[in-house]
Amino acid sequence: MSSHPTDFQGSVVDAMRTAIEAGIPDSVAQVEGAGGHFSVVVTSPAFAGKGMLACHRMVYATITHLMKGDAAPVHAVDSLITRS
């Protein structure tokens, strides 16, 4: 993994998990990674009946604030899996 400069204080993994679980009803998020690159698995009944792209958009909407700016703590989500 590459190094990614950020001024974020605290655990990025915890911040991502908290944001996803707060933004998607009844979700459980598993987040792994470091250096700005992360793998995410999210399970929620809110994904039922939705296509993959719609589910991914729901997840990205919850973590957009962690991806904005030159020193954002999240540089890339290398793997995103959503399950209902």
C-alpha atoms as a PDB file:
ATOM      1  CA  MET A   1       0.000   0.000   0.000  1.00  0.00           C
ATOM      2  CA  SER A   2       1.124   3.476  -0.731  1.00  0.00           C
ATOM      3  CA  SER A   3       1.482   6.257   1.747  1.00  0.00           C
ATOM      4  CA  HIS A   4      -1.187   8.920   1.557  1.00  0.00           C
ATOM      5  CA  PRO A   5      -0.643  12.210   3.412  1.00  0.00           C
ATOM      6  CA  THR A   6      -3.577  13.385   5.506  1.00  0.00           C
ATOM      7  CA  ASP A   7      -4.163  15.591   8.500  1.00  0.00           C
ATOM      8  CA  PHE A   8      -7.082  13.436   9.653  1.00  0.00           C
ATOM      9  CA  GLN A   9      -6.989  12.656  13.366  1.00  0.00           C
ATOM     10  CA  GLY A  10      -8.208   9.272  14.593  1.00  0.00           C
ATOM     11  CA  SER A  11      -8.990   5.982  12.915  1.00  0.00           C
ATOM     12  CA  VAL A  12     -10.039   6.317   9.286  1.00  0.00           C
ATOM     13  CA  VAL A  13     -11.376   2.740   9.361  1.00  0.00           C
ATOM     14  CA  ASP A  14     -13.613   3.587  12.327  1.00  0.00           C
ATOM     15  CA  ALA A  15     -14.730   6.864  10.706  1.00  0.00           C
ATOM     16  CA  MET A  16     -15.704   5.046   7.519  1.00  0.00           C
ATOM     17  CA  ARG A  17     -17.553   2.287   9.381  1.00  0.00           C
ATOM     18  CA  THR A  18     -19.420   4.809  11.522  1.00  0.00           C
ATOM     19  CA  ALA A  19     -20.407   6.965   8.535  1.00  0.00           C
ATOM     20  CA  ILE A  20     -21.643   3.997   6.504  1.00  0.00           C
ATOM     21  CA  GLU A  21     -23.629   2.468   9.358  1.00  0.00           C
ATOM     22  CA  ALA A  22     -25.154   5.848  10.236  1.00  0.00           C
ATOM     23  CA  GLY A  23     -26.109   6.586   6.626  1.00  0.00           C
ATOM     24  CA  ILE A  24     -27.497   3.233   5.493  1.00  0.00           C
ATOM     25  CA  PRO A  25     -30.384   1.773   7.500  1.00  0.00           C
ATOM     26  CA  ASP A  26     -29.671  -1.429   9.440  1.00  0.00           C
ATOM     27  CA  SER A  27     -26.233  -1.795   7.860  1.00  0.00           C
ATOM     28  CA  VAL A  28     -23.138  -3.571   9.075  1.00  0.00           C
ATOM     29  CA  ALA A  29     -19.885  -2.377   7.519  1.00  0.00           C
ATOM     30  CA  GLN A  30     -16.541  -4.149   7.484  1.00  0.00           C
ATOM     31  CA  VAL A  31     -13.694  -1.815   6.550  1.00  0.00           C
ATOM     32  CA  GLU A  32     -10.033  -2.711   6.155  1.00  0.00           C
ATOM     33  CA  GLY A  33      -7.077  -0.804   4.830  1.00  0.00           C
ATOM     34  CA  ALA A  34      -4.561   1.944   5.409  1.00  0.00           C
ATOM     35  CA  GLY A  35      -2.500   4.437   3.477  1.00  0.00           C
ATOM     36  CA  GLY A  36      -5.603   5.925   1.882  1.00  0.00           C
ATOM     37  CA  HIS A  37      -6.716   2.639   0.234  1.00  0.00           C
ATOM     38  CA  PHE A  38      -9.581   0.585   1.648  1.00  0.00           C
ATOM     39  CA  SER A  39     -11.709  -2.506   1.115  1.00  0.00           C
ATOM     40  CA  VAL A  40     -15.328  -2.323   2.239  1.00  0.00           C
ATOM     41  CA  VAL A  41     -18.101  -4.892   2.646  1.00  0.00           C
ATOM     42  CA  VAL A  42     -21.548  -3.584   3.597  1.00  0.00           C
ATOM     43  CA  THR A  43     -24.596  -5.688   4.403  1.00  0.00           C
ATOM     44  CA  SER A  44     -28.023  -4.050   4.629  1.00  0.00           C
ATOM     45  CA  PRO A  45     -31.624  -4.888   3.803  1.00  0.00           C
ATOM     46  CA  ALA A  46     -31.724  -1.417   2.207  1.00  0.00           C
ATOM     47  CA  PHE A  47     -29.887  -2.906  -0.788  1.00  0.00           C
ATOM     48  CA  ALA A  48     -32.639  -5.444  -1.537  1.00  0.00           C
ATOM     49  CA  GLY A  49     -33.969  -5.062  -5.070  1.00  0.00           C
ATOM     50  CA  LYS A  50     -31.329  -2.501  -6.063  1.00  0.00           C
ATOM     51  CA  GLY A  51     -28.639  -2.942  -8.681  1.00  0.00           C
ATOM     52  CA  MET A  52     -24.945  -2.935  -7.833  1.00  0.00           C
ATOM     53  CA  LEU A  53     -24.403   0.625  -9.048  1.00  0.00           C
ATOM     54  CA  ALA A  54     -27.261   1.969  -6.909  1.00  0.00           C
ATOM     55  CA  CYS A  55     -25.883   0.167  -3.855  1.00  0.00           C
ATOM     56  CA  HIS A  56     -22.374   1.481  -4.453  1.00  0.00           C
ATOM     57  CA  ARG A  57     -23.716   5.015  -4.830  1.00  0.00           C
ATOM     58  CA  MET A  58     -25.467   4.667  -1.468  1.00  0.00           C
ATOM     59  CA  VAL A  59     -22.178   3.697   0.192  1.00  0.00           C
ATOM     60  CA  TYR A  60     -20.120   6.415  -1.503  1.00  0.00           C
ATOM     61  CA  ALA A  61     -22.710   9.018  -0.486  1.00  0.00           C
ATOM     62  CA  THR A  62     -22.006   8.212   3.161  1.00  0.00           C
ATOM     63  CA  ILE A  63     -18.205   8.596   2.901  1.00  0.00           C
ATOM     64  CA  THR A  64     -17.898  11.469   0.412  1.00  0.00           C
ATOM     65  CA  HIS A  65     -16.802  13.828   3.182  1.00  0.00           C
ATOM     66  CA  LEU A  66     -13.826  11.528   3.871  1.00  0.00           C
ATOM     67  CA  MET A  67     -12.778  11.628   0.198  1.00  0.00           C
ATOM     68  CA  LYS A  68     -12.801  15.396  -0.423  1.00  0.00           C
ATOM     69  CA  GLY A  69      -9.721  17.580  -0.676  1.00  0.00           C
ATOM     70  CA  ASP A  70      -6.019  17.086  -1.302  1.00  0.00           C
ATOM     71  CA  ALA A  71      -5.356  15.640   2.165  1.00  0.00           C
ATOM     72  CA  ALA A  72      -8.508  13.505   2.379  1.00  0.00           C
ATOM     73  CA  PRO A  73      -8.028  10.423   4.546  1.00  0.00           C
ATOM     74  CA  VAL A  74      -9.651   8.154   1.935  1.00  0.00           C
ATOM     75  CA  HIS A  75      -7.870   8.171  -1.404  1.00  0.00           C
ATOM     76  CA  ALA A  76      -9.534   5.091  -2.911  1.00  0.00           C
ATOM     77  CA  VAL A  77     -11.955   2.306  -2.186  1.00  0.00           C
ATOM     78  CA  ASP A  78     -10.165  -0.532  -3.954  1.00  0.00           C
ATOM     79  CA  SER A  79     -12.909  -3.075  -3.296  1.00  0.00           C
ATOM     80  CA  LEU A  80     -16.576  -2.497  -2.472  1.00  0.00           C
ATOM     81  CA  ILE A  81     -19.002  -5.354  -1.933  1.00  0.00           C
ATOM     82  CA  THR A  82     -22.643  -4.784  -1.001  1.00  0.00           C
ATOM     83  CA  ARG A  83     -25.012  -7.488   0.222  1.00  0.00           C
ATOM     84  CA  SER A  84     -28.666  -7.448   1.169  1.00  0.00           C
END
